[in-house]
Amino acid sequence: MSDHRFAVDQLVRLKGRFGLSPTTEEVYRITGTLPERNNSPQYRIRNDEERYERVTTEDSIEACEAAPVSQEPVQ
């Protein structure tokens, strides 16, 4: 049994598939951990722009950093 490498509330993105790179807008937050599937831990993930959660395996996601928040004053 493997340990989950990612934690709940951590930001991740899907790894590129079929030669396509994921866009920076495709940032997901881990909402829960699930049991392994084919020896790979699973996660529930959600993008703020979507109305549903996805289930993915650990080998299909990678950690990402949050987009920097602008510190400029609003005029």
PDB file of N, CA and C in Angstrom:
ATOM      1  N   MET A   1       0.847  -1.185   0.000  1.00  0.00           N
ATOM      2  CA  MET A   1       0.000   0.000   0.000  1.00  0.00           C
ATOM      3  C   MET A   1       0.885   1.238   0.000  1.00  0.00           C
ATOM      4  N   SER A   2       0.608   2.166  -0.892  1.00  0.00           N
ATOM      5  CA  SER A   2       1.382   3.404  -0.998  1.00  0.00           C
ATOM      6  C   SER A   2       0.746   4.500  -0.161  1.00  0.00           C
ATOM      7  N   ASP A   3       1.573   5.428   0.288  1.00  0.00           N
ATOM      8  CA  ASP A   3       1.056   6.612   0.961  1.00  0.00           C
ATOM      9  C   ASP A   3       0.687   7.651  -0.090  1.00  0.00           C
ATOM     10  N   HIS A   4      -0.261   8.490   0.235  1.00  0.00           N
ATOM     11  CA  HIS A   4      -0.631   9.581  -0.662  1.00  0.00           C
ATOM     12  C   HIS A   4       0.458  10.647  -0.608  1.00  0.00           C
ATOM     13  N   ARG A   5       0.941  11.050  -1.759  1.00  0.00           N
ATOM     14  CA  ARG A   5       2.000  12.057  -1.846  1.00  0.00           C
ATOM     15  C   ARG A   5       1.444  13.473  -1.721  1.00  0.00           C
ATOM     16  N   PHE A   6       0.203  13.683  -2.109  1.00  0.00           N
ATOM     17  CA  PHE A   6      -0.414  14.999  -2.070  1.00  0.00           C
ATOM     18  C   PHE A   6      -1.401  15.074  -0.911  1.00  0.00           C
ATOM     19  N   ALA A   7      -1.617  16.283  -0.399  1.00  0.00           N
ATOM     20  CA  ALA A   7      -2.486  16.488   0.761  1.00  0.00           C
ATOM     21  C   ALA A   7      -3.780  17.191   0.352  1.00  0.00           C
ATOM     22  N   VAL A   8      -4.808  17.010   1.159  1.00  0.00           N
ATOM     23  CA  VAL A   8      -6.074  17.716   0.947  1.00  0.00           C
ATOM     24  C   VAL A   8      -5.796  19.217   0.990  1.00  0.00           C
ATOM     25  N   ASP A   9      -6.411  19.964   0.104  1.00  0.00           N
ATOM     26  CA  ASP A   9      -6.273  21.413  -0.097  1.00  0.00           C
ATOM     27  C   ASP A   9      -5.028  21.803  -0.891  1.00  0.00           C
ATOM     28  N   GLN A  10      -4.197  20.849  -1.272  1.00  0.00           N
ATOM     29  CA  GLN A  10      -3.021  21.164  -2.085  1.00  0.00           C
ATOM     30  C   GLN A  10      -3.463  21.424  -3.521  1.00  0.00           C
ATOM     31  N   LEU A  11      -2.772  22.358  -4.195  1.00  0.00           N
ATOM     32  CA  LEU A  11      -3.074  22.674  -5.588  1.00  0.00           C
ATOM     33  C   LEU A  11      -2.256  21.774  -6.502  1.00  0.00           C
ATOM     34  N   VAL A  12      -2.933  21.225  -7.514  1.00  0.00           N
ATOM     35  CA  VAL A  12      -2.289  20.335  -8.477  1.00  0.00           C
ATOM     36  C   VAL A  12      -2.826  20.654  -9.864  1.00  0.00           C
ATOM     37  N   ARG A  13      -2.207  20.074 -10.860  1.00  0.00           N
ATOM     38  CA  ARG A  13      -2.747  20.145 -12.217  1.00  0.00           C
ATOM     39  C   ARG A  13      -2.574  18.788 -12.862  1.00  0.00           C
ATOM     40  N   LEU A  14      -3.389  18.527 -13.862  1.00  0.00           N
ATOM     41  CA  LEU A  14      -3.297  17.271 -14.582  1.00  0.00           C
ATOM     42  C   LEU A  14      -2.058  17.299 -15.462  1.00  0.00           C
ATOM     43  N   LYS A  15      -1.358  16.185 -15.519  1.00  0.00           N
ATOM     44  CA  LYS A  15      -0.202  16.092 -16.408  1.00  0.00           C
ATOM     45  C   LYS A  15      -0.706  16.075 -17.842  1.00  0.00           C
ATOM     46  N   GLY A  16       0.129  16.548 -18.765  1.00  0.00           N
ATOM     47  CA  GLY A  16      -0.248  16.564 -20.173  1.00  0.00           C
ATOM     48  C   GLY A  16      -0.536  15.161 -20.677  1.00  0.00           C
ATOM     49  N   ARG A  17      -1.568  15.056 -21.501  1.00  0.00           N
ATOM     50  CA  ARG A  17      -1.935  13.768 -22.072  1.00  0.00           C
ATOM     51  C   ARG A  17      -1.993  13.897 -23.578  1.00  0.00           C
ATOM     52  N   PHE A  18      -1.663  12.836 -24.248  1.00  0.00           N
ATOM     53  CA  PHE A  18      -1.738  12.776 -25.700  1.00  0.00           C
ATOM     54  C   PHE A  18      -0.940  13.897 -26.357  1.00  0.00           C
ATOM     55  N   GLY A  19       0.188  14.254 -25.749  1.00  0.00           N
ATOM     56  CA  GLY A  19       1.055  15.274 -26.320  1.00  0.00           C
ATOM     57  C   GLY A  19       0.603  16.692 -26.070  1.00  0.00           C
ATOM     58  N   LEU A  20      -0.462  16.879 -25.316  1.00  0.00           N
ATOM     59  CA  LEU A  20      -0.960  18.219 -25.025  1.00  0.00           C
ATOM     60  C   LEU A  20      -0.506  18.648 -23.643  1.00  0.00           C
ATOM     61  N   SER A  21      -0.105  19.892 -23.519  1.00  0.00           N
ATOM     62  CA  SER A  21       0.285  20.424 -22.218  1.00  0.00           C
ATOM     63  C   SER A  21      -0.934  21.029 -21.539  1.00  0.00           C
ATOM     64  N   PRO A  22      -1.062  20.836 -20.219  1.00  0.00           N
ATOM     65  CA  PRO A  22      -2.184  21.467 -19.523  1.00  0.00           C
ATOM     66  C   PRO A  22      -1.993  22.973 -19.474  1.00  0.00           C
ATOM     67  N   THR A  23      -3.086  23.710 -19.440  1.00  0.00           N
ATOM     68  CA  THR A  23      -2.991  25.164 -19.349  1.00  0.00           C
ATOM     69  C   THR A  23      -2.936  25.575 -17.891  1.00  0.00           C
ATOM     70  N   THR A  24      -2.466  26.782 -17.634  1.00  0.00           N
ATOM     71  CA  THR A  24      -2.349  27.244 -16.257  1.00  0.00           C
ATOM     72  C   THR A  24      -3.711  27.421 -15.605  1.00  0.00           C
ATOM     73  N   GLU A  25      -4.776  27.568 -16.403  1.00  0.00           N
ATOM     74  CA  GLU A  25      -6.108  27.708 -15.836  1.00  0.00           C
ATOM     75  C   GLU A  25      -6.604  26.395 -15.238  1.00  0.00           C
ATOM     76  N   GLU A  26      -5.999  25.289 -15.630  1.00  0.00           N
ATOM     77  CA  GLU A  26      -6.442  23.982 -15.166  1.00  0.00           C
ATOM     78  C   GLU A  26      -5.789  23.613 -13.842  1.00  0.00           C
ATOM     79  N   VAL A  27      -6.011  24.442 -12.846  1.00  0.00           N
ATOM     80  CA  VAL A  27      -5.491  24.187 -11.508  1.00  0.00           C
ATOM     81  C   VAL A  27      -6.620  23.595 -10.681  1.00  0.00           C
ATOM     82  N   TYR A  28      -6.318  22.522  -9.998  1.00  0.00           N
ATOM     83  CA  TYR A  28      -7.304  21.814  -9.195  1.00  0.00           C
ATOM     84  C   TYR A  28      -6.862  21.793  -7.742  1.00  0.00           C
ATOM     85  N   ARG A  29      -7.831  21.752  -6.841  1.00  0.00           N
ATOM     86  CA  ARG A  29      -7.559  21.613  -5.412  1.00  0.00           C
ATOM     87  C   ARG A  29      -7.956  20.200  -5.012  1.00  0.00           C
ATOM     88  N   ILE A  30      -7.105  19.540  -4.261  1.00  0.00           N
ATOM     89  CA  ILE A  30      -7.432  18.204  -3.776  1.00  0.00           C
ATOM     90  C   ILE A  30      -8.473  18.341  -2.674  1.00  0.00           C
ATOM     91  N   THR A  31      -9.600  17.660  -2.855  1.00  0.00           N
ATOM     92  CA  THR A  31     -10.688  17.740  -1.883  1.00  0.00           C
ATOM     93  C   THR A  31     -10.788  16.490  -1.020  1.00  0.00           C
ATOM     94  N   GLY A  32     -10.098  15.438  -1.409  1.00  0.00           N
ATOM     95  CA  GLY A  32     -10.138  14.217  -0.607  1.00  0.00           C
ATOM     96  C   GLY A  32      -9.219  13.150  -1.163  1.00  0.00           C
ATOM     97  N   THR A  33      -8.892  12.185  -0.314  1.00  0.00           N
ATOM     98  CA  THR A  33      -8.076  11.050  -0.739  1.00  0.00           C
ATOM     99  C   THR A  33      -8.960   9.814  -0.818  1.00  0.00           C
ATOM    100  N   LEU A  34      -8.604   8.920  -1.723  1.00  0.00           N
ATOM    101  CA  LEU A  34      -9.351   7.688  -1.947  1.00  0.00           C
ATOM    102  C   LEU A  34      -8.379   6.510  -1.939  1.00  0.00           C
ATOM    103  N   PRO A  35      -8.887   5.288  -1.836  1.00  0.00           N
ATOM    104  CA  PRO A  35      -8.007   4.115  -1.882  1.00  0.00           C
ATOM    105  C   PRO A  35      -7.293   3.992  -3.229  1.00  0.00           C
ATOM    106  N   GLU A  36      -6.270   3.168  -3.244  1.00  0.00           N
ATOM    107  CA  GLU A  36      -5.482   2.943  -4.460  1.00  0.00           C
ATOM    108  C   GLU A  36      -6.307   2.283  -5.559  1.00  0.00           C
ATOM    109  N   ARG A  37      -5.863   2.536  -6.783  1.00  0.00           N
ATOM    110  CA  ARG A  37      -6.382   1.836  -7.955  1.00  0.00           C
ATOM    111  C   ARG A  37      -5.177   1.469  -8.799  1.00  0.00           C
ATOM    112  N   ASN A  38      -4.989   0.202  -9.060  1.00  0.00           N
ATOM    113  CA  ASN A  38      -3.821  -0.283  -9.809  1.00  0.00           C
ATOM    114  C   ASN A  38      -2.522   0.213  -9.189  1.00  0.00           C
ATOM    115  N   ASN A  39      -2.417   0.117  -7.877  1.00  0.00           N
ATOM    116  CA  ASN A  39      -1.223   0.506  -7.109  1.00  0.00           C
ATOM    117  C   ASN A  39      -0.910   1.996  -7.165  1.00  0.00           C
ATOM    118  N   SER A  40      -1.874   2.827  -7.492  1.00  0.00           N
ATOM    119  CA  SER A  40      -1.677   4.275  -7.496  1.00  0.00           C
ATOM    120  C   SER A  40      -2.759   4.920  -6.630  1.00  0.00           C
ATOM    121  N   PRO A  41      -2.372   5.688  -5.597  1.00  0.00           N
ATOM    122  CA  PRO A  41      -3.371   6.362  -4.768  1.00  0.00           C
ATOM    123  C   PRO A  41      -4.274   7.258  -5.622  1.00  0.00           C
ATOM    124  N   GLN A  42      -5.523   7.392  -5.211  1.00  0.00           N
ATOM    125  CA  GLN A  42      -6.483   8.222  -5.933  1.00  0.00           C
ATOM    126  C   GLN A  42      -6.862   9.449  -5.116  1.00  0.00           C
ATOM    127  N   TYR A  43      -7.327  10.472  -5.834  1.00  0.00           N
ATOM    128  CA  TYR A  43      -7.711  11.738  -5.209  1.00  0.00           C
ATOM    129  C   TYR A  43      -9.000  12.246  -5.822  1.00  0.00           C
ATOM    130  N   ARG A  44      -9.778  12.966  -5.025  1.00  0.00           N
ATOM    131  CA  ARG A  44     -10.877  13.778  -5.538  1.00  0.00           C
ATOM    132  C   ARG A  44     -10.303  15.170  -5.734  1.00  0.00           C
ATOM    133  N   ILE A  45     -10.516  15.756  -6.914  1.00  0.00           N
ATOM    134  CA  ILE A  45      -9.997  17.089  -7.208  1.00  0.00           C
ATOM    135  C   ILE A  45     -11.119  17.949  -7.767  1.00  0.00           C
ATOM    136  N   ARG A  46     -10.957  19.262  -7.618  1.00  0.00           N
ATOM    137  CA  ARG A  46     -11.983  20.182  -8.122  1.00  0.00           C
ATOM    138  C   ARG A  46     -11.336  21.469  -8.601  1.00  0.00           C
ATOM    139  N   ASN A  47     -11.822  21.952  -9.737  1.00  0.00           N
ATOM    140  CA  ASN A  47     -11.427  23.238 -10.285  1.00  0.00           C
ATOM    141  C   ASN A  47     -12.533  24.222  -9.917  1.00  0.00           C
ATOM    142  N   ASP A  48     -12.167  25.417  -9.478  1.00  0.00           N
ATOM    143  CA  ASP A  48     -13.165  26.402  -9.052  1.00  0.00           C
ATOM    144  C   ASP A  48     -14.133  26.794 -10.167  1.00  0.00           C
ATOM    145  N   GLU A  49     -13.739  26.594 -11.413  1.00  0.00           N
ATOM    146  CA  GLU A  49     -14.587  26.961 -12.553  1.00  0.00           C
ATOM    147  C   GLU A  49     -15.577  25.860 -12.919  1.00  0.00           C
ATOM    148  N   GLU A  50     -15.445  24.683 -12.318  1.00  0.00           N
ATOM    149  CA  GLU A  50     -16.321  23.562 -12.646  1.00  0.00           C
ATOM    150  C   GLU A  50     -17.304  23.310 -11.506  1.00  0.00           C
ATOM    151  N   ARG A  51     -18.430  22.716 -11.831  1.00  0.00           N
ATOM    152  CA  ARG A  51     -19.471  22.455 -10.835  1.00  0.00           C
ATOM    153  C   ARG A  51     -19.412  21.028 -10.302  1.00  0.00           C
ATOM    154  N   TYR A  52     -18.362  20.314 -10.613  1.00  0.00           N
ATOM    155  CA  TYR A  52     -18.266  18.915 -10.214  1.00  0.00           C
ATOM    156  C   TYR A  52     -16.838  18.577  -9.807  1.00  0.00           C
ATOM    157  N   GLU A  53     -16.684  17.453  -9.118  1.00  0.00           N
ATOM    158  CA  GLU A  53     -15.368  16.954  -8.751  1.00  0.00           C
ATOM    159  C   GLU A  53     -14.958  15.874  -9.738  1.00  0.00           C
ATOM    160  N   ARG A  54     -13.664  15.667  -9.828  1.00  0.00           N
ATOM    161  CA  ARG A  54     -13.107  14.599 -10.648  1.00  0.00           C
ATOM    162  C   ARG A  54     -12.394  13.620  -9.723  1.00  0.00           C
ATOM    163  N   VAL A  55     -12.191  12.414 -10.206  1.00  0.00           N
ATOM    164  CA  VAL A  55     -11.364  11.435  -9.510  1.00  0.00           C
ATOM    165  C   VAL A  55     -10.191  11.132 -10.423  1.00  0.00           C
ATOM    166  N   THR A  56      -8.989  11.156  -9.857  1.00  0.00           N
ATOM    167  CA  THR A  56      -7.794  10.894 -10.642  1.00  0.00           C
ATOM    168  C   THR A  56      -6.785  10.122  -9.807  1.00  0.00           C
ATOM    169  N   THR A  57      -5.852   9.496 -10.478  1.00  0.00           N
ATOM    170  CA  THR A  57      -4.790   8.768  -9.777  1.00  0.00           C
ATOM    171  C   THR A  57      -3.571   9.669  -9.613  1.00  0.00           C
ATOM    172  N   GLU A  58      -2.743   9.313  -8.638  1.00  0.00           N
ATOM    173  CA  GLU A  58      -1.572  10.123  -8.314  1.00  0.00           C
ATOM    174  C   GLU A  58      -0.618  10.283  -9.495  1.00  0.00           C
ATOM    175  N   ASP A  59      -0.516   9.258 -10.331  1.00  0.00           N
ATOM    176  CA  ASP A  59       0.407   9.346 -11.462  1.00  0.00           C
ATOM    177  C   ASP A  59      -0.112  10.252 -12.578  1.00  0.00           C
ATOM    178  N   SER A  60      -1.323  10.792 -12.437  1.00  0.00           N
ATOM    179  CA  SER A  60      -1.897  11.680 -13.455  1.00  0.00           C
ATOM    180  C   SER A  60      -1.856  13.152 -13.069  1.00  0.00           C
ATOM    181  N   ILE A  61      -1.338  13.461 -11.873  1.00  0.00           N
ATOM    182  CA  ILE A  61      -1.310  14.855 -11.419  1.00  0.00           C
ATOM    183  C   ILE A  61       0.089  15.241 -10.959  1.00  0.00           C
ATOM    184  N   GLU A  62       0.315  16.547 -10.907  1.00  0.00           N
ATOM    185  CA  GLU A  62       1.583  17.079 -10.407  1.00  0.00           C
ATOM    186  C   GLU A  62       1.297  18.326  -9.587  1.00  0.00           C
ATOM    187  N   ALA A  63       2.162  18.587  -8.617  1.00  0.00           N
ATOM    188  CA  ALA A  63       1.997  19.757  -7.753  1.00  0.00           C
ATOM    189  C   ALA A  63       2.197  21.028  -8.563  1.00  0.00           C
ATOM    190  N   CYS A  64       1.517  22.077  -8.175  1.00  0.00           N
ATOM    191  CA  CYS A  64       1.726  23.377  -8.801  1.00  0.00           C
ATOM    192  C   CYS A  64       1.621  24.445  -7.732  1.00  0.00           C
ATOM    193  N   GLU A  65       2.176  25.587  -8.038  1.00  0.00           N
ATOM    194  CA  GLU A  65       2.129  26.707  -7.110  1.00  0.00           C
ATOM    195  C   GLU A  65       0.923  27.572  -7.428  1.00  0.00           C
ATOM    196  N   ALA A  66       0.407  28.205  -6.418  1.00  0.00           N
ATOM    197  CA  ALA A  66      -0.718  29.116  -6.615  1.00  0.00           C
ATOM    198  C   ALA A  66      -0.247  30.314  -7.419  1.00  0.00           C
ATOM    199  N   ALA A  67      -1.128  30.854  -8.210  1.00  0.00           N
ATOM    200  CA  ALA A  67      -0.805  32.065  -8.969  1.00  0.00           C
ATOM    201  C   ALA A  67      -0.572  33.206  -7.997  1.00  0.00           C
ATOM    202  N   PRO A  68       0.443  34.026  -8.241  1.00  0.00           N
ATOM    203  CA  PRO A  68       0.702  35.138  -7.330  1.00  0.00           C
ATOM    204  C   PRO A  68      -0.461  36.128  -7.309  1.00  0.00           C
ATOM    205  N   VAL A  69      -0.747  36.631  -6.153  1.00  0.00           N
ATOM    206  CA  VAL A  69      -1.817  37.617  -5.988  1.00  0.00           C
ATOM    207  C   VAL A  69      -1.214  38.998  -6.168  1.00  0.00           C
ATOM    208  N   SER A  70      -1.856  39.815  -6.961  1.00  0.00           N
ATOM    209  CA  SER A  70      -1.352  41.160  -7.221  1.00  0.00           C
ATOM    210  C   SER A  70      -1.373  41.989  -5.945  1.00  0.00           C
ATOM    211  N   GLN A  71      -0.281  42.683  -5.690  1.00  0.00           N
ATOM    212  CA  GLN A  71      -0.176  43.537  -4.516  1.00  0.00           C
ATOM    213  C   GLN A  71      -0.395  45.009  -4.870  1.00  0.00           C
ATOM    214  N   GLU A  72      -0.754  45.292  -6.121  1.00  0.00           N
ATOM    215  CA  GLU A  72      -0.946  46.668  -6.559  1.00  0.00           C
ATOM    216  C   GLU A  72      -2.252  47.222  -5.994  1.00  0.00           C
ATOM    217  N   PRO A  73      -2.240  48.471  -5.539  1.00  0.00           N
ATOM    218  CA  PRO A  73      -3.476  49.063  -5.021  1.00  0.00           C
ATOM    219  C   PRO A  73      -4.479  49.303  -6.146  1.00  0.00           C
ATOM    220  N   VAL A  74      -5.736  49.194  -5.818  1.00  0.00           N
ATOM    221  CA  VAL A  74      -6.805  49.438  -6.781  1.00  0.00           C
ATOM    222  C   VAL A  74      -7.085  50.927  -6.814  1.00  0.00           C
ATOM    223  N   GLN A  75      -7.166  51.506  -8.021  1.00  0.00           N
ATOM    224  CA  GLN A  75      -7.402  52.948  -8.147  1.00  0.00           C
ATOM    225  C   GLN A  75      -8.820  53.229  -8.537  1.00  0.00           C
TER     226      GLN A  75
END
